[in-house]
Amino acid sequence: MEAAKPQLIRETFPVGPLQCNCTIIGDSLSKKAIVIDPGGNPELIMARLEAHGLIVVSIIHTHAHLDHFLASGQMKELTGATLHLHKEDQFLWDSLEMQCRMFGVPYTPVPAPDQWLSDDQALDCGCGVALHTPGHTPGSMSFWFPQDKLLIAGDTLFKRGIGRTDLWGGDYSTIERSIKQRLYCLDEDATVVTGHGADTRLGDEMRDNPFVRA
């Protein structure tokens, strides 16, 4: 008899003062979960994990702008999970206090990342892979779950938009290349979870995105 394939548990909801989309990804069989971009409201994130019966094994980040990891330190303290980031965004991680001051957001210290993410790295939940998609920041990552046709794009790709490139380390030609070469080669039917705002469909962005088309 063929073993049952685990069903992916996915819930996305806005958190924090800048309403970053936080995503919980869980394995329905092992009950292991990853939390992507905990940008605030750790109590809400913990409540949703508990509702799904999930245990966090890692906290991963699409990039290191303040709105995507304001609650990372608190989540690590509450769960013991490891923190993950691409090394090229370390300079942003190290400047969290400055970022918070610039945007008028209360500063909560965050410990150093435990592990560096790399391109094509398998994620701890066993069902996804990390993609290095620089441009919004040098270390921007996207996370691809092929079995479920799900793409977590962070601030790289939005519904009819792309990430801004006028902040620290941003570069338009680089984000354009990342979208065309790393994202637009994925399944057109994939659901794209963006860093802020509504989900979109990858094929729709390939055809209709006014900034970068396939």
N, C-alpha and C. Protein backbone atom coordinates (compact mmCIF):
# COMPACT_ATOMS: atom_id res chain seq x y z
N MET A 1 0.84 -1.19 0.00
CA MET A 1 0.00 0.00 0.00
C MET A 1 0.88 1.25 0.00
N GLU A 2 0.54 2.21 -0.84
CA GLU A 2 1.32 3.43 -0.95
C GLU A 2 1.11 4.29 0.29
N ALA A 3 2.22 4.81 0.83
CA ALA A 3 2.13 5.66 2.02
C ALA A 3 1.38 6.94 1.70
N ALA A 4 0.61 7.41 2.68
CA ALA A 4 -0.15 8.64 2.49
C ALA A 4 0.78 9.84 2.38
N LYS A 5 0.50 10.70 1.43
CA LYS A 5 1.29 11.92 1.29
C LYS A 5 0.78 12.97 2.27
N PRO A 6 1.69 13.66 2.96
CA PRO A 6 1.24 14.68 3.90
C PRO A 6 0.55 15.83 3.19
N GLN A 7 -0.49 16.32 3.81
CA GLN A 7 -1.18 17.48 3.29
C GLN A 7 -0.53 18.75 3.85
N LEU A 8 -0.31 19.70 2.99
CA LEU A 8 0.29 20.96 3.43
C LEU A 8 -0.76 21.82 4.14
N ILE A 9 -0.43 22.26 5.33
CA ILE A 9 -1.26 23.22 6.05
C ILE A 9 -0.67 24.60 5.79
N ARG A 10 -1.48 25.51 5.29
CA ARG A 10 -0.99 26.87 5.03
C ARG A 10 -1.99 27.91 5.49
N GLU A 11 -1.51 28.84 6.30
CA GLU A 11 -2.34 29.97 6.68
C GLU A 11 -1.49 31.23 6.61
N THR A 12 -2.04 32.25 5.98
CA THR A 12 -1.36 33.54 5.84
C THR A 12 -2.24 34.63 6.43
N PHE A 13 -1.63 35.53 7.18
CA PHE A 13 -2.40 36.61 7.80
C PHE A 13 -1.46 37.79 8.06
N PRO A 14 -1.99 39.03 8.02
CA PRO A 14 -1.16 40.20 8.25
C PRO A 14 -0.84 40.39 9.73
N VAL A 15 0.38 40.83 10.01
CA VAL A 15 0.81 41.06 11.38
C VAL A 15 1.62 42.35 11.46
N GLY A 16 1.70 42.87 12.67
CA GLY A 16 2.59 43.99 12.94
C GLY A 16 2.09 45.33 12.45
N PRO A 17 2.82 46.38 12.80
CA PRO A 17 2.39 47.74 12.46
C PRO A 17 2.38 48.03 10.97
N LEU A 18 3.15 47.29 10.18
CA LEU A 18 3.20 47.51 8.73
C LEU A 18 2.47 46.41 7.96
N GLN A 19 1.71 45.57 8.69
CA GLN A 19 0.83 44.56 8.07
C GLN A 19 1.56 43.67 7.07
N CYS A 20 2.69 43.15 7.50
CA CYS A 20 3.41 42.14 6.72
C CYS A 20 2.63 40.84 6.75
N ASN A 21 2.61 40.12 5.64
CA ASN A 21 1.98 38.81 5.61
C ASN A 21 2.89 37.77 6.25
N CYS A 22 2.42 37.18 7.34
CA CYS A 22 3.10 36.07 8.00
C CYS A 22 2.44 34.78 7.51
N THR A 23 3.23 33.78 7.19
CA THR A 23 2.69 32.52 6.70
C THR A 23 3.16 31.36 7.56
N ILE A 24 2.23 30.53 7.95
CA ILE A 24 2.52 29.27 8.63
C ILE A 24 2.41 28.15 7.60
N ILE A 25 3.45 27.33 7.53
CA ILE A 25 3.45 26.15 6.67
C ILE A 25 3.65 24.93 7.56
N GLY A 26 2.72 23.97 7.52
CA GLY A 26 2.83 22.81 8.38
C GLY A 26 2.62 21.50 7.63
N ASP A 27 3.22 20.46 8.16
CA ASP A 27 3.06 19.10 7.65
C ASP A 27 1.96 18.43 8.47
N SER A 28 0.90 17.98 7.81
CA SER A 28 -0.25 17.44 8.52
C SER A 28 0.06 16.12 9.24
N LEU A 29 1.10 15.39 8.80
CA LEU A 29 1.44 14.12 9.44
C LEU A 29 2.42 14.30 10.59
N SER A 30 3.53 14.99 10.34
CA SER A 30 4.54 15.15 11.39
C SER A 30 4.19 16.26 12.37
N LYS A 31 3.31 17.17 11.93
CA LYS A 31 2.92 18.34 12.72
C LYS A 31 4.06 19.34 12.90
N LYS A 32 5.13 19.17 12.11
CA LYS A 32 6.21 20.16 12.13
C LYS A 32 5.81 21.35 11.26
N ALA A 33 6.25 22.53 11.66
CA ALA A 33 5.88 23.74 10.93
C ALA A 33 7.04 24.70 10.83
N ILE A 34 6.97 25.53 9.79
CA ILE A 34 7.86 26.68 9.69
C ILE A 34 6.99 27.94 9.72
N VAL A 35 7.54 29.00 10.26
CA VAL A 35 6.88 30.30 10.24
C VAL A 35 7.71 31.22 9.37
N ILE A 36 7.06 31.83 8.39
CA ILE A 36 7.75 32.72 7.45
C ILE A 36 7.36 34.16 7.75
N ASP A 37 8.34 35.00 7.98
CA ASP A 37 8.17 36.44 8.17
C ASP A 37 7.22 36.80 9.33
N PRO A 38 7.64 36.49 10.57
CA PRO A 38 6.84 36.90 11.72
C PRO A 38 7.08 38.38 12.04
N GLY A 39 6.34 39.24 11.36
CA GLY A 39 6.57 40.68 11.47
C GLY A 39 5.86 41.38 12.61
N GLY A 40 5.41 40.63 13.60
CA GLY A 40 4.72 41.21 14.75
C GLY A 40 3.65 40.27 15.27
N ASN A 41 2.98 40.70 16.34
CA ASN A 41 1.87 39.94 16.93
C ASN A 41 2.22 38.47 17.23
N PRO A 42 3.26 38.23 18.03
CA PRO A 42 3.63 36.84 18.32
C PRO A 42 2.52 36.04 18.98
N GLU A 43 1.67 36.69 19.78
CA GLU A 43 0.57 35.97 20.43
C GLU A 43 -0.41 35.43 19.40
N LEU A 44 -0.68 36.21 18.36
CA LEU A 44 -1.57 35.75 17.30
C LEU A 44 -0.96 34.58 16.55
N ILE A 45 0.32 34.68 16.23
CA ILE A 45 1.00 33.59 15.51
C ILE A 45 0.96 32.31 16.33
N MET A 46 1.25 32.42 17.63
CA MET A 46 1.23 31.24 18.49
C MET A 46 -0.17 30.65 18.58
N ALA A 47 -1.18 31.50 18.62
CA ALA A 47 -2.57 31.02 18.69
C ALA A 47 -2.94 30.24 17.44
N ARG A 48 -2.51 30.71 16.28
CA ARG A 48 -2.83 30.02 15.03
C ARG A 48 -2.08 28.68 14.94
N LEU A 49 -0.84 28.65 15.41
CA LEU A 49 -0.10 27.40 15.44
C LEU A 49 -0.79 26.38 16.34
N GLU A 50 -1.24 26.84 17.50
CA GLU A 50 -1.93 25.96 18.44
C GLU A 50 -3.24 25.45 17.84
N ALA A 51 -3.94 26.31 17.12
CA ALA A 51 -5.21 25.90 16.51
C ALA A 51 -5.00 24.78 15.49
N HIS A 52 -3.85 24.79 14.82
CA HIS A 52 -3.54 23.75 13.84
C HIS A 52 -2.82 22.56 14.46
N GLY A 53 -2.46 22.65 15.75
CA GLY A 53 -1.73 21.58 16.39
C GLY A 53 -0.32 21.42 15.89
N LEU A 54 0.33 22.53 15.53
CA LEU A 54 1.66 22.49 14.91
C LEU A 54 2.76 22.91 15.87
N ILE A 55 3.95 22.36 15.64
CA ILE A 55 5.14 22.70 16.43
C ILE A 55 6.17 23.33 15.49
N VAL A 56 6.61 24.53 15.83
CA VAL A 56 7.55 25.25 14.96
C VAL A 56 8.95 24.68 15.10
N VAL A 57 9.57 24.37 13.96
CA VAL A 57 10.97 23.92 13.97
C VAL A 57 11.91 24.99 13.44
N SER A 58 11.40 25.90 12.61
CA SER A 58 12.27 26.97 12.10
C SER A 58 11.44 28.21 11.75
N ILE A 59 12.09 29.33 11.88
CA ILE A 59 11.51 30.64 11.56
C ILE A 59 12.36 31.20 10.43
N ILE A 60 11.77 31.37 9.25
CA ILE A 60 12.55 31.76 8.09
C ILE A 60 12.06 33.10 7.55
N HIS A 61 12.94 33.78 6.86
CA HIS A 61 12.67 35.15 6.45
C HIS A 61 12.91 35.34 4.96
N THR A 62 11.97 36.01 4.31
CA THR A 62 12.17 36.34 2.90
C THR A 62 13.25 37.40 2.74
N HIS A 63 13.37 38.28 3.72
CA HIS A 63 14.43 39.29 3.72
C HIS A 63 14.44 39.96 5.09
N ALA A 64 15.34 40.92 5.27
CA ALA A 64 15.56 41.46 6.62
C ALA A 64 15.14 42.91 6.77
N HIS A 65 14.08 43.33 6.11
CA HIS A 65 13.48 44.61 6.46
C HIS A 65 12.68 44.43 7.74
N LEU A 66 12.63 45.48 8.56
CA LEU A 66 12.09 45.36 9.91
C LEU A 66 10.70 44.75 9.97
N ASP A 67 9.83 45.05 8.99
CA ASP A 67 8.45 44.60 9.08
C ASP A 67 8.30 43.10 8.88
N HIS A 68 9.39 42.42 8.50
CA HIS A 68 9.32 40.99 8.28
C HIS A 68 9.95 40.18 9.40
N PHE A 69 10.52 40.85 10.42
CA PHE A 69 11.06 40.06 11.53
C PHE A 69 10.96 40.76 12.89
N LEU A 70 9.97 41.62 13.06
CA LEU A 70 9.81 42.30 14.34
C LEU A 70 9.53 41.33 15.49
N ALA A 71 8.86 40.22 15.21
CA ALA A 71 8.54 39.26 16.28
C ALA A 71 9.44 38.03 16.27
N SER A 72 10.50 38.05 15.48
CA SER A 72 11.33 36.85 15.35
C SER A 72 11.99 36.46 16.67
N GLY A 73 12.51 37.43 17.40
CA GLY A 73 13.15 37.13 18.68
C GLY A 73 12.17 36.54 19.68
N GLN A 74 10.96 37.12 19.73
CA GLN A 74 9.94 36.61 20.65
C GLN A 74 9.49 35.22 20.25
N MET A 75 9.35 34.97 18.95
CA MET A 75 8.95 33.65 18.49
C MET A 75 10.02 32.60 18.82
N LYS A 76 11.28 32.97 18.67
CA LYS A 76 12.36 32.04 19.02
C LYS A 76 12.33 31.74 20.51
N GLU A 77 12.10 32.76 21.32
CA GLU A 77 12.04 32.55 22.77
C GLU A 77 10.87 31.66 23.17
N LEU A 78 9.74 31.83 22.49
CA LEU A 78 8.55 31.07 22.83
C LEU A 78 8.61 29.62 22.36
N THR A 79 9.31 29.37 21.24
CA THR A 79 9.26 28.04 20.62
C THR A 79 10.59 27.29 20.61
N GLY A 80 11.70 28.01 20.76
CA GLY A 80 13.01 27.37 20.63
C GLY A 80 13.41 27.09 19.20
N ALA A 81 12.62 27.56 18.24
CA ALA A 81 12.91 27.32 16.82
C ALA A 81 14.13 28.13 16.38
N THR A 82 14.77 27.66 15.33
CA THR A 82 15.95 28.34 14.80
C THR A 82 15.54 29.45 13.83
N LEU A 83 16.37 30.49 13.75
CA LEU A 83 16.15 31.63 12.86
C LEU A 83 17.00 31.46 11.61
N HIS A 84 16.39 31.73 10.42
CA HIS A 84 17.07 31.52 9.15
C HIS A 84 16.95 32.76 8.26
N LEU A 85 18.05 33.08 7.58
CA LEU A 85 18.13 34.27 6.72
C LEU A 85 19.24 34.04 5.70
N HIS A 86 19.15 34.71 4.54
CA HIS A 86 20.26 34.68 3.60
C HIS A 86 21.36 35.63 4.10
N LYS A 87 22.60 35.19 4.01
CA LYS A 87 23.71 35.95 4.61
C LYS A 87 23.85 37.35 4.03
N GLU A 88 23.46 37.54 2.76
CA GLU A 88 23.63 38.86 2.16
C GLU A 88 22.71 39.91 2.78
N ASP A 89 21.76 39.49 3.59
CA ASP A 89 20.91 40.46 4.31
C ASP A 89 21.33 40.64 5.76
N GLN A 90 22.50 40.12 6.14
CA GLN A 90 22.93 40.27 7.51
C GLN A 90 23.07 41.74 7.91
N PHE A 91 23.52 42.57 6.98
CA PHE A 91 23.70 44.00 7.30
C PHE A 91 22.38 44.65 7.67
N LEU A 92 21.29 44.19 7.10
CA LEU A 92 19.98 44.72 7.44
C LEU A 92 19.51 44.17 8.79
N TRP A 93 19.75 42.90 9.01
CA TRP A 93 19.41 42.28 10.30
C TRP A 93 20.12 43.01 11.43
N ASP A 94 21.39 43.35 11.19
CA ASP A 94 22.19 44.01 12.22
C ASP A 94 21.77 45.47 12.44
N SER A 95 20.98 46.03 11.52
CA SER A 95 20.58 47.43 11.64
C SER A 95 19.10 47.58 12.01
N LEU A 96 18.53 46.57 12.67
CA LEU A 96 17.12 46.62 13.02
C LEU A 96 16.77 47.86 13.83
N GLU A 97 17.59 48.23 14.79
CA GLU A 97 17.28 49.39 15.62
C GLU A 97 17.20 50.65 14.77
N MET A 98 18.12 50.81 13.83
CA MET A 98 18.10 51.96 12.94
C MET A 98 16.85 51.96 12.07
N GLN A 99 16.50 50.80 11.53
CA GLN A 99 15.30 50.71 10.70
C GLN A 99 14.05 51.11 11.49
N CYS A 100 13.94 50.58 12.70
CA CYS A 100 12.78 50.89 13.54
C CYS A 100 12.71 52.39 13.83
N ARG A 101 13.85 52.99 14.09
CA ARG A 101 13.87 54.42 14.38
C ARG A 101 13.41 55.22 13.18
N MET A 102 13.85 54.82 11.98
CA MET A 102 13.47 55.54 10.76
C MET A 102 11.96 55.47 10.51
N PHE A 103 11.34 54.33 10.85
CA PHE A 103 9.92 54.15 10.56
C PHE A 103 9.04 54.39 11.79
N GLY A 104 9.64 54.82 12.89
CA GLY A 104 8.86 55.13 14.09
C GLY A 104 8.21 53.93 14.73
N VAL A 105 8.89 52.77 14.66
CA VAL A 105 8.36 51.52 15.21
C VAL A 105 9.17 51.15 16.45
N PRO A 106 8.51 50.72 17.54
CA PRO A 106 9.26 50.31 18.74
C PRO A 106 10.27 49.20 18.44
N TYR A 107 11.44 49.32 19.03
CA TYR A 107 12.53 48.39 18.77
C TYR A 107 12.52 47.24 19.78
N THR A 108 12.51 46.02 19.29
CA THR A 108 12.64 44.83 20.12
C THR A 108 13.86 44.06 19.65
N PRO A 109 14.86 43.88 20.50
CA PRO A 109 16.09 43.18 20.07
C PRO A 109 15.80 41.79 19.53
N VAL A 110 16.57 41.40 18.52
CA VAL A 110 16.46 40.09 17.89
C VAL A 110 17.84 39.44 17.89
N PRO A 111 17.95 38.17 18.31
CA PRO A 111 19.27 37.53 18.28
C PRO A 111 19.74 37.28 16.86
N ALA A 112 21.00 36.96 16.72
CA ALA A 112 21.57 36.67 15.41
C ALA A 112 20.92 35.43 14.80
N PRO A 113 20.87 35.35 13.47
CA PRO A 113 20.35 34.14 12.82
C PRO A 113 21.16 32.91 13.24
N ASP A 114 20.46 31.79 13.33
CA ASP A 114 21.13 30.53 13.67
C ASP A 114 21.75 29.88 12.44
N GLN A 115 21.09 30.04 11.29
CA GLN A 115 21.57 29.39 10.07
C GLN A 115 21.33 30.31 8.88
N TRP A 116 22.22 30.22 7.89
CA TRP A 116 22.07 31.00 6.66
C TRP A 116 21.33 30.17 5.63
N LEU A 117 20.36 30.79 4.98
CA LEU A 117 19.66 30.14 3.88
C LEU A 117 20.52 30.18 2.62
N SER A 118 20.38 29.17 1.77
CA SER A 118 21.10 29.17 0.51
C SER A 118 20.15 28.81 -0.62
N ASP A 119 20.54 29.15 -1.83
CA ASP A 119 19.72 28.88 -3.01
C ASP A 119 19.51 27.38 -3.18
N ASP A 120 18.28 27.00 -3.49
CA ASP A 120 17.90 25.60 -3.72
C ASP A 120 17.99 24.73 -2.47
N GLN A 121 17.99 25.35 -1.31
CA GLN A 121 18.04 24.60 -0.05
C GLN A 121 16.66 24.06 0.29
N ALA A 122 16.60 22.79 0.71
CA ALA A 122 15.34 22.20 1.16
C ALA A 122 14.96 22.79 2.50
N LEU A 123 13.67 23.04 2.69
CA LEU A 123 13.17 23.61 3.93
C LEU A 123 12.88 22.51 4.95
N ASP A 124 12.87 22.89 6.23
CA ASP A 124 12.76 21.91 7.30
C ASP A 124 11.45 21.13 7.29
N CYS A 125 10.40 21.69 6.71
CA CYS A 125 9.13 20.98 6.68
C CYS A 125 9.15 19.83 5.69
N GLY A 126 10.20 19.75 4.86
CA GLY A 126 10.35 18.65 3.94
C GLY A 126 9.52 18.74 2.68
N CYS A 127 8.90 19.88 2.43
CA CYS A 127 8.01 19.98 1.27
C CYS A 127 8.27 21.20 0.42
N GLY A 128 9.32 21.93 0.70
CA GLY A 128 9.58 23.16 -0.05
C GLY A 128 11.05 23.40 -0.24
N VAL A 129 11.35 24.42 -1.06
CA VAL A 129 12.74 24.76 -1.37
C VAL A 129 12.90 26.27 -1.37
N ALA A 130 14.06 26.74 -0.92
CA ALA A 130 14.37 28.17 -0.89
C ALA A 130 14.98 28.59 -2.22
N LEU A 131 14.55 29.74 -2.73
CA LEU A 131 15.09 30.30 -3.97
C LEU A 131 15.68 31.68 -3.67
N HIS A 132 16.93 31.90 -4.05
CA HIS A 132 17.53 33.22 -3.86
C HIS A 132 17.03 34.13 -4.98
N THR A 133 16.29 35.17 -4.61
CA THR A 133 15.69 36.09 -5.59
C THR A 133 16.04 37.54 -5.22
N PRO A 134 17.30 37.91 -5.34
CA PRO A 134 17.72 39.25 -4.92
C PRO A 134 17.14 40.36 -5.79
N GLY A 135 17.21 41.56 -5.26
CA GLY A 135 16.74 42.74 -5.98
C GLY A 135 16.05 43.72 -5.05
N HIS A 136 15.04 43.25 -4.32
CA HIS A 136 14.44 44.08 -3.29
C HIS A 136 15.47 44.33 -2.19
N THR A 137 16.15 43.27 -1.80
CA THR A 137 17.35 43.34 -0.97
C THR A 137 18.35 42.33 -1.56
N PRO A 138 19.64 42.43 -1.19
CA PRO A 138 20.61 41.48 -1.75
C PRO A 138 20.33 40.02 -1.38
N GLY A 139 19.74 39.82 -0.20
CA GLY A 139 19.50 38.46 0.26
C GLY A 139 18.06 38.01 0.17
N SER A 140 17.25 38.68 -0.62
CA SER A 140 15.83 38.31 -0.71
C SER A 140 15.65 36.86 -1.16
N MET A 141 14.74 36.17 -0.48
CA MET A 141 14.45 34.78 -0.79
C MET A 141 12.97 34.61 -1.12
N SER A 142 12.67 33.62 -1.95
CA SER A 142 11.30 33.15 -2.17
C SER A 142 11.29 31.68 -1.79
N PHE A 143 10.10 31.16 -1.49
CA PHE A 143 9.99 29.77 -1.06
C PHE A 143 8.93 29.06 -1.90
N TRP A 144 9.35 27.94 -2.53
CA TRP A 144 8.53 27.25 -3.53
C TRP A 144 8.13 25.88 -3.00
N PHE A 145 6.82 25.62 -3.06
CA PHE A 145 6.25 24.34 -2.62
C PHE A 145 5.59 23.69 -3.83
N PRO A 146 6.36 22.91 -4.60
CA PRO A 146 5.87 22.43 -5.90
C PRO A 146 4.65 21.53 -5.83
N GLN A 147 4.58 20.67 -4.81
CA GLN A 147 3.45 19.74 -4.73
C GLN A 147 2.12 20.48 -4.61
N ASP A 148 2.17 21.64 -3.96
CA ASP A 148 0.94 22.41 -3.73
C ASP A 148 0.84 23.64 -4.61
N LYS A 149 1.80 23.79 -5.54
CA LYS A 149 1.81 24.95 -6.44
C LYS A 149 1.64 26.24 -5.65
N LEU A 150 2.53 26.41 -4.70
CA LEU A 150 2.49 27.56 -3.79
C LEU A 150 3.84 28.24 -3.78
N LEU A 151 3.83 29.56 -3.99
CA LEU A 151 5.05 30.37 -3.98
C LEU A 151 4.91 31.47 -2.94
N ILE A 152 5.83 31.49 -1.97
CA ILE A 152 5.91 32.59 -1.01
C ILE A 152 6.95 33.55 -1.57
N ALA A 153 6.51 34.71 -2.04
CA ALA A 153 7.39 35.61 -2.80
C ALA A 153 7.93 36.77 -1.97
N GLY A 154 7.49 36.93 -0.73
CA GLY A 154 7.95 38.07 0.05
C GLY A 154 7.66 39.37 -0.66
N ASP A 155 8.63 40.29 -0.63
CA ASP A 155 8.45 41.58 -1.29
C ASP A 155 9.09 41.61 -2.67
N THR A 156 9.33 40.44 -3.26
CA THR A 156 9.88 40.40 -4.62
C THR A 156 8.78 40.63 -5.65
N LEU A 157 7.66 39.94 -5.50
CA LEU A 157 6.57 40.02 -6.47
C LEU A 157 5.25 40.24 -5.76
N PHE A 158 4.47 41.21 -6.27
CA PHE A 158 3.16 41.53 -5.72
C PHE A 158 2.09 41.36 -6.80
N LYS A 159 0.85 41.45 -6.39
CA LYS A 159 -0.24 41.46 -7.35
C LYS A 159 -0.15 42.74 -8.16
N ARG A 160 0.23 42.59 -9.43
CA ARG A 160 0.43 43.70 -10.36
C ARG A 160 1.48 44.69 -9.86
N GLY A 161 2.47 44.17 -9.19
CA GLY A 161 3.55 45.04 -8.71
C GLY A 161 4.79 44.23 -8.39
N ILE A 162 5.88 44.93 -8.06
CA ILE A 162 7.12 44.29 -7.63
C ILE A 162 7.64 45.06 -6.43
N GLY A 163 8.64 44.49 -5.76
CA GLY A 163 9.21 45.15 -4.60
C GLY A 163 9.96 46.42 -4.96
N ARG A 164 9.89 47.38 -4.07
CA ARG A 164 10.62 48.63 -4.30
C ARG A 164 12.12 48.37 -4.24
N THR A 165 12.88 49.17 -4.97
CA THR A 165 14.32 48.96 -5.04
C THR A 165 15.10 50.21 -4.61
N ASP A 166 14.40 51.14 -3.93
CA ASP A 166 15.06 52.37 -3.51
C ASP A 166 15.50 52.34 -2.05
N LEU A 167 15.40 51.18 -1.41
CA LEU A 167 15.89 51.03 -0.05
C LEU A 167 17.27 50.38 -0.07
N TRP A 168 17.83 50.12 1.09
CA TRP A 168 19.19 49.64 1.24
C TRP A 168 19.43 48.38 0.42
N GLY A 169 20.36 48.45 -0.52
CA GLY A 169 20.75 47.28 -1.29
C GLY A 169 19.83 46.90 -2.42
N GLY A 170 18.77 47.67 -2.67
CA GLY A 170 17.83 47.34 -3.74
C GLY A 170 18.41 47.66 -5.11
N ASP A 171 17.96 46.89 -6.12
CA ASP A 171 18.46 47.11 -7.47
C ASP A 171 17.42 46.62 -8.47
N TYR A 172 16.96 47.51 -9.36
CA TYR A 172 15.86 47.17 -10.27
C TYR A 172 16.24 46.06 -11.25
N SER A 173 17.39 46.17 -11.88
CA SER A 173 17.77 45.16 -12.87
C SER A 173 17.90 43.78 -12.23
N THR A 174 18.32 43.76 -10.97
CA THR A 174 18.48 42.49 -10.27
C THR A 174 17.13 41.87 -9.94
N ILE A 175 16.18 42.67 -9.46
CA ILE A 175 14.87 42.11 -9.14
C ILE A 175 14.15 41.67 -10.42
N GLU A 176 14.34 42.40 -11.51
CA GLU A 176 13.74 42.01 -12.79
C GLU A 176 14.28 40.65 -13.23
N ARG A 177 15.58 40.47 -13.09
CA ARG A 177 16.20 39.20 -13.47
C ARG A 177 15.72 38.06 -12.57
N SER A 178 15.60 38.33 -11.28
CA SER A 178 15.12 37.31 -10.35
C SER A 178 13.71 36.85 -10.70
N ILE A 179 12.84 37.81 -10.99
CA ILE A 179 11.45 37.47 -11.30
C ILE A 179 11.38 36.67 -12.60
N LYS A 180 12.09 37.13 -13.63
CA LYS A 180 12.01 36.45 -14.92
C LYS A 180 12.67 35.08 -14.90
N GLN A 181 13.83 34.96 -14.25
CA GLN A 181 14.61 33.74 -14.35
C GLN A 181 14.31 32.73 -13.24
N ARG A 182 13.82 33.18 -12.09
CA ARG A 182 13.59 32.25 -10.98
C ARG A 182 12.11 32.01 -10.71
N LEU A 183 11.27 33.02 -10.91
CA LEU A 183 9.85 32.88 -10.56
C LEU A 183 8.98 32.56 -11.77
N TYR A 184 9.19 33.27 -12.87
CA TYR A 184 8.32 33.07 -14.03
C TYR A 184 8.58 31.74 -14.75
N CYS A 185 9.54 30.97 -14.30
CA CYS A 185 9.76 29.64 -14.86
C CYS A 185 9.01 28.56 -14.08
N LEU A 186 8.33 28.96 -13.00
CA LEU A 186 7.56 28.02 -12.19
C LEU A 186 6.17 27.82 -12.79
N ASP A 187 5.37 26.99 -12.15
CA ASP A 187 4.04 26.64 -12.65
C ASP A 187 3.13 27.86 -12.72
N GLU A 188 2.57 28.12 -13.90
CA GLU A 188 1.70 29.28 -14.08
C GLU A 188 0.47 29.25 -13.17
N ASP A 189 0.06 28.07 -12.75
CA ASP A 189 -1.12 27.94 -11.91
C ASP A 189 -0.82 28.16 -10.43
N ALA A 190 0.43 28.44 -10.10
CA ALA A 190 0.81 28.59 -8.70
C ALA A 190 0.14 29.80 -8.07
N THR A 191 -0.24 29.62 -6.81
CA THR A 191 -0.69 30.74 -5.99
C THR A 191 0.53 31.47 -5.44
N VAL A 192 0.55 32.78 -5.58
CA VAL A 192 1.66 33.59 -5.07
C VAL A 192 1.22 34.32 -3.81
N VAL A 193 1.87 34.01 -2.70
CA VAL A 193 1.65 34.73 -1.44
C VAL A 193 2.65 35.88 -1.40
N THR A 194 2.14 37.09 -1.38
CA THR A 194 3.01 38.27 -1.42
C THR A 194 3.35 38.75 -0.01
N GLY A 195 4.32 39.64 0.07
CA GLY A 195 4.74 40.14 1.37
C GLY A 195 3.71 41.03 2.05
N HIS A 196 2.87 41.67 1.26
CA HIS A 196 1.81 42.54 1.76
C HIS A 196 0.63 42.42 0.80
N GLY A 197 -0.56 42.42 1.31
CA GLY A 197 -1.73 42.43 0.45
C GLY A 197 -2.17 41.06 -0.01
N ALA A 198 -2.97 41.05 -1.09
CA ALA A 198 -3.65 39.84 -1.54
C ALA A 198 -2.74 38.88 -2.28
N ASP A 199 -3.12 37.59 -2.23
CA ASP A 199 -2.49 36.59 -3.08
C ASP A 199 -2.75 36.92 -4.55
N THR A 200 -1.94 36.32 -5.41
CA THR A 200 -2.19 36.43 -6.84
C THR A 200 -1.84 35.09 -7.49
N ARG A 201 -2.03 35.03 -8.80
CA ARG A 201 -1.71 33.81 -9.57
C ARG A 201 -0.50 34.11 -10.44
N LEU A 202 0.46 33.19 -10.46
CA LEU A 202 1.71 33.46 -11.16
C LEU A 202 1.49 33.74 -12.64
N GLY A 203 0.62 32.97 -13.29
CA GLY A 203 0.38 33.19 -14.71
C GLY A 203 -0.19 34.56 -15.00
N ASP A 204 -1.03 35.06 -14.10
CA ASP A 204 -1.59 36.41 -14.28
C ASP A 204 -0.50 37.46 -14.22
N GLU A 205 0.47 37.28 -13.32
CA GLU A 205 1.57 38.25 -13.22
C GLU A 205 2.46 38.15 -14.45
N MET A 206 2.69 36.96 -14.94
CA MET A 206 3.53 36.78 -16.13
C MET A 206 2.97 37.56 -17.32
N ARG A 207 1.65 37.61 -17.41
CA ARG A 207 1.01 38.29 -18.55
C ARG A 207 0.68 39.75 -18.28
N ASP A 208 0.28 40.08 -17.05
CA ASP A 208 -0.33 41.38 -16.79
C ASP A 208 0.43 42.29 -15.85
N ASN A 209 1.51 41.82 -15.24
CA ASN A 209 2.24 42.67 -14.33
C ASN A 209 2.86 43.84 -15.11
N PRO A 210 2.54 45.08 -14.77
CA PRO A 210 3.01 46.22 -15.58
C PRO A 210 4.50 46.51 -15.44
N PHE A 211 5.17 45.90 -14.46
CA PHE A 211 6.58 46.18 -14.24
C PHE A 211 7.50 45.12 -14.83
N VAL A 212 7.12 43.85 -14.67
CA VAL A 212 7.95 42.75 -15.21
C VAL A 212 7.01 41.71 -15.79
N ARG A 213 7.09 41.48 -17.09
CA ARG A 213 6.30 40.44 -17.75
C ARG A 213 7.22 39.35 -18.26
N ALA A 214 6.67 38.16 -18.43
CA ALA A 214 7.47 37.03 -18.90
C ALA A 214 7.94 37.29 -20.33
